[in-house]
Full PDB file with SEQRES, HELIX, SHEET, SSBOND, CRYST1, ORIGX, SCALE, CONECT and MASTER records, all heavy atoms in Angstrom:
SEQRES   1 A   30  PHE GLY GLN THR VAL ASP VAL LEU THR ILE GLU ILE GLU          
SEQRES   2 A   30  ARG VAL ASN VAL ASP ALA LEU GLU ALA LEU GLU ARG GLU          
SEQRES   3 A   30  GLY LYS ARG VAL                                              
HELIX    1 AA1 GLY A    2  THR A    4  5                                   3    
HELIX    2 AA2 VAL A   17  ARG A   25  1                                   9    
CRYST1    1.000    1.000    1.000  90.00  90.00  90.00 P 1           1          
ORIGX1      1.000000  0.000000  0.000000        0.00000                         
ORIGX2      0.000000  1.000000  0.000000        0.00000                         
ORIGX3      0.000000  0.000000  1.000000        0.00000                         
SCALE1      1.000000  0.000000  0.000000        0.00000                         
SCALE2      0.000000  1.000000  0.000000        0.00000                         
SCALE3      0.000000  0.000000  1.000000        0.00000                         
ATOM      1  N   PHE A   1     -22.292 250.420  45.329  1.00  0.00           N  
ATOM      2  CA  PHE A   1     -21.880 251.371  44.287  1.00  0.00           C  
ATOM      3  C   PHE A   1     -23.076 252.191  43.820  1.00  0.00           C  
ATOM      4  O   PHE A   1     -22.985 253.412  43.645  1.00  0.00           O  
ATOM      5  CB  PHE A   1     -21.254 250.617  43.115  1.00  0.00           C  
ATOM      6  CG  PHE A   1     -20.878 251.488  41.948  1.00  0.00           C  
ATOM      7  CD1 PHE A   1     -19.740 252.272  41.988  1.00  0.00           C  
ATOM      8  CD2 PHE A   1     -21.669 251.517  40.806  1.00  0.00           C  
ATOM      9  CE1 PHE A   1     -19.386 253.081  40.903  1.00  0.00           C  
ATOM     10  CE2 PHE A   1     -21.320 252.319  39.725  1.00  0.00           C  
ATOM     11  CZ  PHE A   1     -20.190 253.101  39.775  1.00  0.00           C  
ATOM     12  N   GLY A   2     -24.208 251.522  43.623  1.00  0.00           N  
ATOM     13  CA  GLY A   2     -25.412 252.211  43.169  1.00  0.00           C  
ATOM     14  C   GLY A   2     -25.898 253.274  44.127  1.00  0.00           C  
ATOM     15  O   GLY A   2     -26.510 254.270  43.716  1.00  0.00           O  
ATOM     16  N   GLN A   3     -25.624 253.085  45.397  1.00  0.00           N  
ATOM     17  CA  GLN A   3     -26.053 254.058  46.403  1.00  0.00           C  
ATOM     18  C   GLN A   3     -25.320 255.391  46.266  1.00  0.00           C  
ATOM     19  O   GLN A   3     -25.790 256.419  46.769  1.00  0.00           O  
ATOM     20  CB  GLN A   3     -25.810 253.495  47.816  1.00  0.00           C  
ATOM     21  CG  GLN A   3     -26.647 252.282  48.166  1.00  0.00           C  
ATOM     22  CD  GLN A   3     -28.091 252.640  48.500  1.00  0.00           C  
ATOM     23  OE1 GLN A   3     -28.501 253.784  48.398  1.00  0.00           O  
ATOM     24  NE2 GLN A   3     -28.868 251.647  48.916  1.00  0.00           N  
ATOM     25  N   THR A   4     -24.175 255.394  45.599  1.00  0.00           N  
ATOM     26  CA  THR A   4     -23.346 256.606  45.535  1.00  0.00           C  
ATOM     27  C   THR A   4     -23.663 257.485  44.330  1.00  0.00           C  
ATOM     28  O   THR A   4     -23.056 258.552  44.171  1.00  0.00           O  
ATOM     29  CB  THR A   4     -21.853 256.228  45.478  1.00  0.00           C  
ATOM     30  OG1 THR A   4     -21.566 255.576  44.218  1.00  0.00           O  
ATOM     31  CG2 THR A   4     -21.470 255.302  46.617  1.00  0.00           C  
ATOM     32  N   VAL A   5     -24.589 257.047  43.453  1.00  0.00           N  
ATOM     33  CA  VAL A   5     -24.870 257.794  42.218  1.00  0.00           C  
ATOM     34  C   VAL A   5     -26.359 258.088  42.100  1.00  0.00           C  
ATOM     35  O   VAL A   5     -27.189 257.507  42.816  1.00  0.00           O  
ATOM     36  CB  VAL A   5     -24.376 257.017  40.975  1.00  0.00           C  
ATOM     37  CG1 VAL A   5     -22.872 256.786  41.046  1.00  0.00           C  
ATOM     38  CG2 VAL A   5     -25.108 255.682  40.813  1.00  0.00           C  
ATOM     39  N   ASP A   6     -26.701 258.980  41.166  1.00  0.00           N  
ATOM     40  CA  ASP A   6     -28.102 259.330  40.939  1.00  0.00           C  
ATOM     41  C   ASP A   6     -28.737 258.478  39.847  1.00  0.00           C  
ATOM     42  O   ASP A   6     -29.919 258.145  39.913  1.00  0.00           O  
ATOM     43  CB  ASP A   6     -28.209 260.813  40.535  1.00  0.00           C  
ATOM     44  CG  ASP A   6     -27.640 261.737  41.594  1.00  0.00           C  
ATOM     45  OD1 ASP A   6     -28.037 261.596  42.764  1.00  0.00           O  
ATOM     46  OD2 ASP A   6     -26.789 262.576  41.262  1.00  0.00           O  
ATOM     47  N   VAL A   7     -27.952 258.171  38.823  1.00  0.00           N  
ATOM     48  CA  VAL A   7     -28.417 257.368  37.690  1.00  0.00           C  
ATOM     49  C   VAL A   7     -27.392 256.267  37.466  1.00  0.00           C  
ATOM     50  O   VAL A   7     -26.187 256.517  37.478  1.00  0.00           O  
ATOM     51  CB  VAL A   7     -28.559 258.217  36.406  1.00  0.00           C  
ATOM     52  CG1 VAL A   7     -29.076 257.360  35.253  1.00  0.00           C  
ATOM     53  CG2 VAL A   7     -29.473 259.408  36.636  1.00  0.00           C  
ATOM     54  N   LEU A   8     -27.888 255.044  37.249  1.00  0.00           N  
ATOM     55  CA  LEU A   8     -26.997 253.898  37.073  1.00  0.00           C  
ATOM     56  C   LEU A   8     -27.244 253.281  35.708  1.00  0.00           C  
ATOM     57  O   LEU A   8     -28.399 253.074  35.300  1.00  0.00           O  
ATOM     58  CB  LEU A   8     -27.266 252.869  38.172  1.00  0.00           C  
ATOM     59  CG  LEU A   8     -26.254 251.736  38.371  1.00  0.00           C  
ATOM     60  CD1 LEU A   8     -24.858 252.275  38.638  1.00  0.00           C  
ATOM     61  CD2 LEU A   8     -26.700 250.848  39.526  1.00  0.00           C  
ATOM     62  N   THR A   9     -26.154 252.992  34.977  1.00  0.00           N  
ATOM     63  CA  THR A   9     -26.265 252.364  33.671  1.00  0.00           C  
ATOM     64  C   THR A   9     -25.189 251.290  33.541  1.00  0.00           C  
ATOM     65  O   THR A   9     -24.425 251.045  34.477  1.00  0.00           O  
ATOM     66  CB  THR A   9     -26.185 253.409  32.540  1.00  0.00           C  
ATOM     67  OG1 THR A   9     -26.532 252.799  31.286  1.00  0.00           O  
ATOM     68  CG2 THR A   9     -24.795 254.026  32.430  1.00  0.00           C  
ATOM     69  N   ILE A  10     -25.114 250.647  32.369  1.00  0.00           N  
ATOM     70  CA  ILE A  10     -24.183 249.533  32.167  1.00  0.00           C  
ATOM     71  C   ILE A  10     -23.436 249.699  30.847  1.00  0.00           C  
ATOM     72  O   ILE A  10     -23.907 250.365  29.927  1.00  0.00           O  
ATOM     73  CB  ILE A  10     -24.908 248.168  32.167  1.00  0.00           C  
ATOM     74  CG1 ILE A  10     -25.888 248.081  30.981  1.00  0.00           C  
ATOM     75  CG2 ILE A  10     -25.618 247.917  33.481  1.00  0.00           C  
ATOM     76  CD1 ILE A  10     -26.476 246.707  30.742  1.00  0.00           C  
ATOM     77  N   GLU A  11     -22.285 249.064  30.755  1.00  0.00           N  
ATOM     78  CA  GLU A  11     -21.606 248.921  29.463  1.00  0.00           C  
ATOM     79  C   GLU A  11     -21.420 247.434  29.147  1.00  0.00           C  
ATOM     80  O   GLU A  11     -20.837 247.085  28.139  1.00  0.00           O  
ATOM     81  CB  GLU A  11     -20.268 249.657  29.448  1.00  0.00           C  
ATOM     82  CG  GLU A  11     -19.219 249.132  30.385  1.00  0.00           C  
ATOM     83  CD  GLU A  11     -17.961 248.598  29.704  1.00  0.00           C  
ATOM     84  OE1 GLU A  11     -17.429 249.234  28.798  1.00  0.00           O  
ATOM     85  OE2 GLU A  11     -17.529 247.506  30.122  1.00  0.00           O  
ATOM     86  N   ILE A  12     -21.917 246.582  30.024  1.00  0.00           N  
ATOM     87  CA  ILE A  12     -21.858 245.129  29.855  1.00  0.00           C  
ATOM     88  C   ILE A  12     -23.040 244.552  30.616  1.00  0.00           C  
ATOM     89  O   ILE A  12     -23.416 245.060  31.675  1.00  0.00           O  
ATOM     90  CB  ILE A  12     -20.515 244.573  30.402  1.00  0.00           C  
ATOM     91  CG1 ILE A  12     -20.370 243.084  30.108  1.00  0.00           C  
ATOM     92  CG2 ILE A  12     -20.349 244.861  31.899  1.00  0.00           C  
ATOM     93  CD1 ILE A  12     -18.964 242.553  30.425  1.00  0.00           C  
ATOM     94  N   GLU A  13     -23.683 243.519  30.050  1.00  0.00           N  
ATOM     95  CA  GLU A  13     -24.898 243.009  30.705  1.00  0.00           C  
ATOM     96  C   GLU A  13     -24.655 241.906  31.727  1.00  0.00           C  
ATOM     97  O   GLU A  13     -25.596 241.473  32.399  1.00  0.00           O  
ATOM     98  CB  GLU A  13     -25.950 242.566  29.678  1.00  0.00           C  
ATOM     99  CG  GLU A  13     -25.504 241.598  28.622  1.00  0.00           C  
ATOM    100  CD  GLU A  13     -25.029 242.309  27.363  1.00  0.00           C  
ATOM    101  OE1 GLU A  13     -24.351 243.347  27.460  1.00  0.00           O  
ATOM    102  OE2 GLU A  13     -25.311 241.803  26.269  1.00  0.00           O  
ATOM    103  N   ARG A  14     -23.404 241.473  31.891  1.00  0.00           N  
ATOM    104  CA  ARG A  14     -23.106 240.447  32.889  1.00  0.00           C  
ATOM    105  C   ARG A  14     -22.910 241.131  34.251  1.00  0.00           C  
ATOM    106  O   ARG A  14     -21.783 241.348  34.713  1.00  0.00           O  
ATOM    107  CB  ARG A  14     -21.879 239.635  32.478  1.00  0.00           C  
ATOM    108  CG  ARG A  14     -22.108 238.814  31.232  1.00  0.00           C  
ATOM    109  CD  ARG A  14     -20.976 237.855  30.943  1.00  0.00           C  
ATOM    110  NE  ARG A  14     -19.700 238.524  30.757  1.00  0.00           N  
ATOM    111  CZ  ARG A  14     -19.326 239.135  29.636  1.00  0.00           C  
ATOM    112  NH1 ARG A  14     -20.149 239.187  28.600  1.00  0.00           N  
ATOM    113  NH2 ARG A  14     -18.142 239.714  29.546  1.00  0.00           N  
ATOM    114  N   VAL A  15     -24.028 241.520  34.847  1.00  0.00           N  
ATOM    115  CA  VAL A  15     -24.027 242.266  36.109  1.00  0.00           C  
ATOM    116  C   VAL A  15     -25.045 241.634  37.054  1.00  0.00           C  
ATOM    117  O   VAL A  15     -25.893 240.830  36.637  1.00  0.00           O  
ATOM    118  CB  VAL A  15     -24.378 243.754  35.878  1.00  0.00           C  
ATOM    119  CG1 VAL A  15     -23.326 244.438  35.019  1.00  0.00           C  
ATOM    120  CG2 VAL A  15     -25.762 243.900  35.238  1.00  0.00           C  
ATOM    121  N   ASN A  16     -24.995 242.005  38.339  1.00  0.00           N  
ATOM    122  CA  ASN A  16     -25.918 241.454  39.331  1.00  0.00           C  
ATOM    123  C   ASN A  16     -27.258 242.185  39.237  1.00  0.00           C  
ATOM    124  O   ASN A  16     -27.402 243.318  39.704  1.00  0.00           O  
ATOM    125  CB  ASN A  16     -25.334 241.591  40.736  1.00  0.00           C  
ATOM    126  CG  ASN A  16     -26.134 240.782  41.744  1.00  0.00           C  
ATOM    127  OD1 ASN A  16     -27.298 241.051  41.979  1.00  0.00           O  
ATOM    128  ND2 ASN A  16     -25.494 239.777  42.333  1.00  0.00           N  
ATOM    129  N   VAL A  17     -28.231 241.531  38.637  1.00  0.00           N  
ATOM    130  CA  VAL A  17     -29.540 242.156  38.422  1.00  0.00           C  
ATOM    131  C   VAL A  17     -30.331 242.254  39.722  1.00  0.00           C  
ATOM    132  O   VAL A  17     -31.118 243.187  39.904  1.00  0.00           O  
ATOM    133  CB  VAL A  17     -30.329 241.389  37.339  1.00  0.00           C  
ATOM    134  CG1 VAL A  17     -31.704 242.013  37.130  1.00  0.00           C  
ATOM    135  CG2 VAL A  17     -29.564 241.382  36.025  1.00  0.00           C  
ATOM    136  N   ASP A  18     -30.134 241.307  40.651  1.00  0.00           N  
ATOM    137  CA  ASP A  18     -30.842 241.386  41.936  1.00  0.00           C  
ATOM    138  C   ASP A  18     -30.538 242.709  42.633  1.00  0.00           C  
ATOM    139  O   ASP A  18     -31.437 243.363  43.186  1.00  0.00           O  
ATOM    140  CB  ASP A  18     -30.436 240.214  42.844  1.00  0.00           C  
ATOM    141  CG  ASP A  18     -30.927 238.875  42.332  1.00  0.00           C  
ATOM    142  OD1 ASP A  18     -31.910 238.862  41.561  1.00  0.00           O  
ATOM    143  OD2 ASP A  18     -30.327 237.852  42.689  1.00  0.00           O  
ATOM    144  N   ALA A  19     -29.281 243.121  42.610  1.00  0.00           N  
ATOM    145  CA  ALA A  19     -28.893 244.388  43.235  1.00  0.00           C  
ATOM    146  C   ALA A  19     -29.522 245.569  42.505  1.00  0.00           C  
ATOM    147  O   ALA A  19     -29.989 246.532  43.138  1.00  0.00           O  
ATOM    148  CB  ALA A  19     -27.375 244.522  43.250  1.00  0.00           C  
ATOM    149  N   LEU A  20     -29.556 245.500  41.174  1.00  0.00           N  
ATOM    150  CA  LEU A  20     -30.160 246.586  40.396  1.00  0.00           C  
ATOM    151  C   LEU A  20     -31.658 246.692  40.678  1.00  0.00           C  
ATOM    152  O   LEU A  20     -32.204 247.807  40.774  1.00  0.00           O  
ATOM    153  CB  LEU A  20     -29.923 246.361  38.904  1.00  0.00           C  
ATOM    154  CG  LEU A  20     -28.468 246.386  38.431  1.00  0.00           C  
ATOM    155  CD1 LEU A  20     -28.395 246.205  36.922  1.00  0.00           C  
ATOM    156  CD2 LEU A  20     -27.778 247.680  38.835  1.00  0.00           C  
ATOM    157  N   GLU A  21     -32.324 245.547  40.828  1.00  0.00           N  
ATOM    158  CA  GLU A  21     -33.757 245.572  41.140  1.00  0.00           C  
ATOM    159  C   GLU A  21     -34.008 246.179  42.516  1.00  0.00           C  
ATOM    160  O   GLU A  21     -34.975 246.938  42.708  1.00  0.00           O  
ATOM    161  CB  GLU A  21     -34.332 244.161  41.055  1.00  0.00           C  
ATOM    162  CG  GLU A  21     -34.439 243.654  39.623  1.00  0.00           C  
ATOM    163  CD  GLU A  21     -34.872 242.206  39.526  1.00  0.00           C  
ATOM    164  OE1 GLU A  21     -34.695 241.450  40.515  1.00  0.00           O  
ATOM    165  OE2 GLU A  21     -35.377 241.813  38.461  1.00  0.00           O  
ATOM    166  N   ALA A  22     -33.145 245.857  43.475  1.00  0.00           N  
ATOM    167  CA  ALA A  22     -33.288 246.434  44.824  1.00  0.00           C  
ATOM    168  C   ALA A  22     -33.121 247.948  44.772  1.00  0.00           C  
ATOM    169  O   ALA A  22     -33.879 248.700  45.402  1.00  0.00           O  
ATOM    170  CB  ALA A  22     -32.272 245.813  45.772  1.00  0.00           C  
ATOM    171  N   LEU A  23     -32.133 248.412  44.025  1.00  0.00           N  
ATOM    172  CA  LEU A  23     -31.909 249.845  43.887  1.00  0.00           C  
ATOM    173  C   LEU A  23     -33.094 250.524  43.207  1.00  0.00           C  
ATOM    174  O   LEU A  23     -33.532 251.608  43.621  1.00  0.00           O  
ATOM    175  CB  LEU A  23     -30.627 250.092  43.080  1.00  0.00           C  
ATOM    176  CG  LEU A  23     -29.315 249.741  43.790  1.00  0.00           C  
ATOM    177  CD1 LEU A  23     -28.173 249.620  42.787  1.00  0.00           C  
ATOM    178  CD2 LEU A  23     -28.977 250.789  44.855  1.00  0.00           C  
ATOM    179  N   GLU A  24     -33.629 249.882  42.175  1.00  0.00           N  
ATOM    180  CA  GLU A  24     -34.783 250.436  41.463  1.00  0.00           C  
ATOM    181  C   GLU A  24     -35.993 250.548  42.387  1.00  0.00           C  
ATOM    182  O   GLU A  24     -36.713 251.562  42.372  1.00  0.00           O  
ATOM    183  CB  GLU A  24     -35.107 249.568  40.243  1.00  0.00           C  
ATOM    184  CG  GLU A  24     -36.215 250.119  39.357  1.00  0.00           C  
ATOM    185  CD  GLU A  24     -36.508 249.199  38.186  1.00  0.00           C  
ATOM    186  OE1 GLU A  24     -36.730 247.994  38.424  1.00  0.00           O  
ATOM    187  OE2 GLU A  24     -36.510 249.675  37.038  1.00  0.00           O  
ATOM    188  N   ARG A  25     -36.225 249.520  43.206  1.00  0.00           N  
ATOM    189  CA  ARG A  25     -37.351 249.548  44.157  1.00  0.00           C  
ATOM    190  C   ARG A  25     -37.215 250.713  45.145  1.00  0.00           C  
ATOM    191  O   ARG A  25     -38.218 251.262  45.612  1.00  0.00           O  
ATOM    192  CB  ARG A  25     -37.445 248.222  44.926  1.00  0.00           C  
ATOM    193  CG  ARG A  25     -38.010 247.071  44.123  1.00  0.00           C  
ATOM    194  CD  ARG A  25     -38.378 245.898  45.024  1.00  0.00           C  
ATOM    195  NE  ARG A  25     -37.233 245.352  45.740  1.00  0.00           N  
ATOM    196  CZ  ARG A  25     -36.455 244.387  45.292  1.00  0.00           C  
ATOM    197  NH1 ARG A  25     -36.684 243.855  44.094  1.00  0.00           N  
ATOM    198  NH2 ARG A  25     -35.445 243.935  46.015  1.00  0.00           N  
ATOM    199  N   GLU A  26     -35.977 251.069  45.455  1.00  0.00           N  
ATOM    200  CA  GLU A  26     -35.729 252.155  46.400  1.00  0.00           C  
ATOM    201  C   GLU A  26     -35.752 253.532  45.733  1.00  0.00           C  
ATOM    202  O   GLU A  26     -35.480 254.544  46.379  1.00  0.00           O  
ATOM    203  CB  GLU A  26     -34.382 251.930  47.091  1.00  0.00           C  
ATOM    204  CG  GLU A  26     -34.377 250.686  47.985  1.00  0.00           C  
ATOM    205  CD  GLU A  26     -32.983 250.318  48.475  1.00  0.00           C  
ATOM    206  OE1 GLU A  26     -32.059 251.132  48.287  1.00  0.00           O  
ATOM    207  OE2 GLU A  26     -32.830 249.214  49.032  1.00  0.00           O  
ATOM    208  N   GLY A  27     -36.068 253.561  44.442  1.00  0.00           N  
ATOM    209  CA  GLY A  27     -36.206 254.832  43.744  1.00  0.00           C  
ATOM    210  C   GLY A  27     -35.015 255.253  42.911  1.00  0.00           C  
ATOM    211  O   GLY A  27     -35.020 256.340  42.317  1.00  0.00           O  
ATOM    212  N   LYS A  28     -33.999 254.422  42.852  1.00  0.00           N  
ATOM    213  CA  LYS A  28     -32.826 254.762  42.041  1.00  0.00           C  
ATOM    214  C   LYS A  28     -33.193 254.642  40.555  1.00  0.00           C  
ATOM    215  O   LYS A  28     -33.907 253.728  40.146  1.00  0.00           O  
ATOM    216  CB  LYS A  28     -31.674 253.813  42.365  1.00  0.00           C  
ATOM    217  CG  LYS A  28     -30.335 254.216  41.795  1.00  0.00           C  
ATOM    218  CD  LYS A  28     -29.763 255.459  42.444  1.00  0.00           C  
ATOM    219  CE  LYS A  28     -29.473 255.259  43.922  1.00  0.00           C  
ATOM    220  NZ  LYS A  28     -28.876 256.474  44.531  1.00  0.00           N  
ATOM    221  N   ARG A  29     -32.689 255.567  39.757  1.00  0.00           N  
ATOM    222  CA  ARG A  29     -32.929 255.516  38.311  1.00  0.00           C  
ATOM    223  C   ARG A  29     -31.890 254.568  37.689  1.00  0.00           C  
ATOM    224  O   ARG A  29     -30.689 254.870  37.692  1.00  0.00           O  
ATOM    225  CB  ARG A  29     -32.820 256.914  37.721  1.00  0.00           C  
ATOM    226  CG  ARG A  29     -33.926 257.838  38.206  1.00  0.00           C  
ATOM    227  CD  ARG A  29     -33.582 259.310  37.998  1.00  0.00           C  
ATOM    228  NE  ARG A  29     -33.312 259.640  36.596  1.00  0.00           N  
ATOM    229  CZ  ARG A  29     -34.244 259.840  35.676  1.00  0.00           C  
ATOM    230  NH1 ARG A  29     -35.527 259.729  36.003  1.00  0.00           N  
ATOM    231  NH2 ARG A  29     -33.910 260.150  34.445  1.00  0.00           N  
ATOM    232  N   VAL A  30     -32.354 253.443  37.191  1.00  0.00           N  
ATOM    233  CA  VAL A  30     -31.488 252.418  36.611  1.00  0.00           C  
ATOM    234  C   VAL A  30     -31.915 252.187  35.171  1.00  0.00           C  
ATOM    235  O   VAL A  30     -33.032 251.733  34.905  1.00  0.00           O  
ATOM    236  CB  VAL A  30     -31.565 251.093  37.401  1.00  0.00           C  
ATOM    237  CG1 VAL A  30     -30.586 250.074  36.811  1.00  0.00           C  
ATOM    238  CG2 VAL A  30     -31.283 251.314  38.874  1.00  0.00           C  
TER     239      VAL A  30                                                      
MASTER        0    0    0    2    0    0    0    6  238    1    0    3          
END                                                                             
């Protein structure tokens, strides 16, 4: 899902952080 957007945010904190960290390392704005 993160690959399809430019900026990623949340409305709930019960999310997969490992995936968010991978996206951030690849330059995604999270």
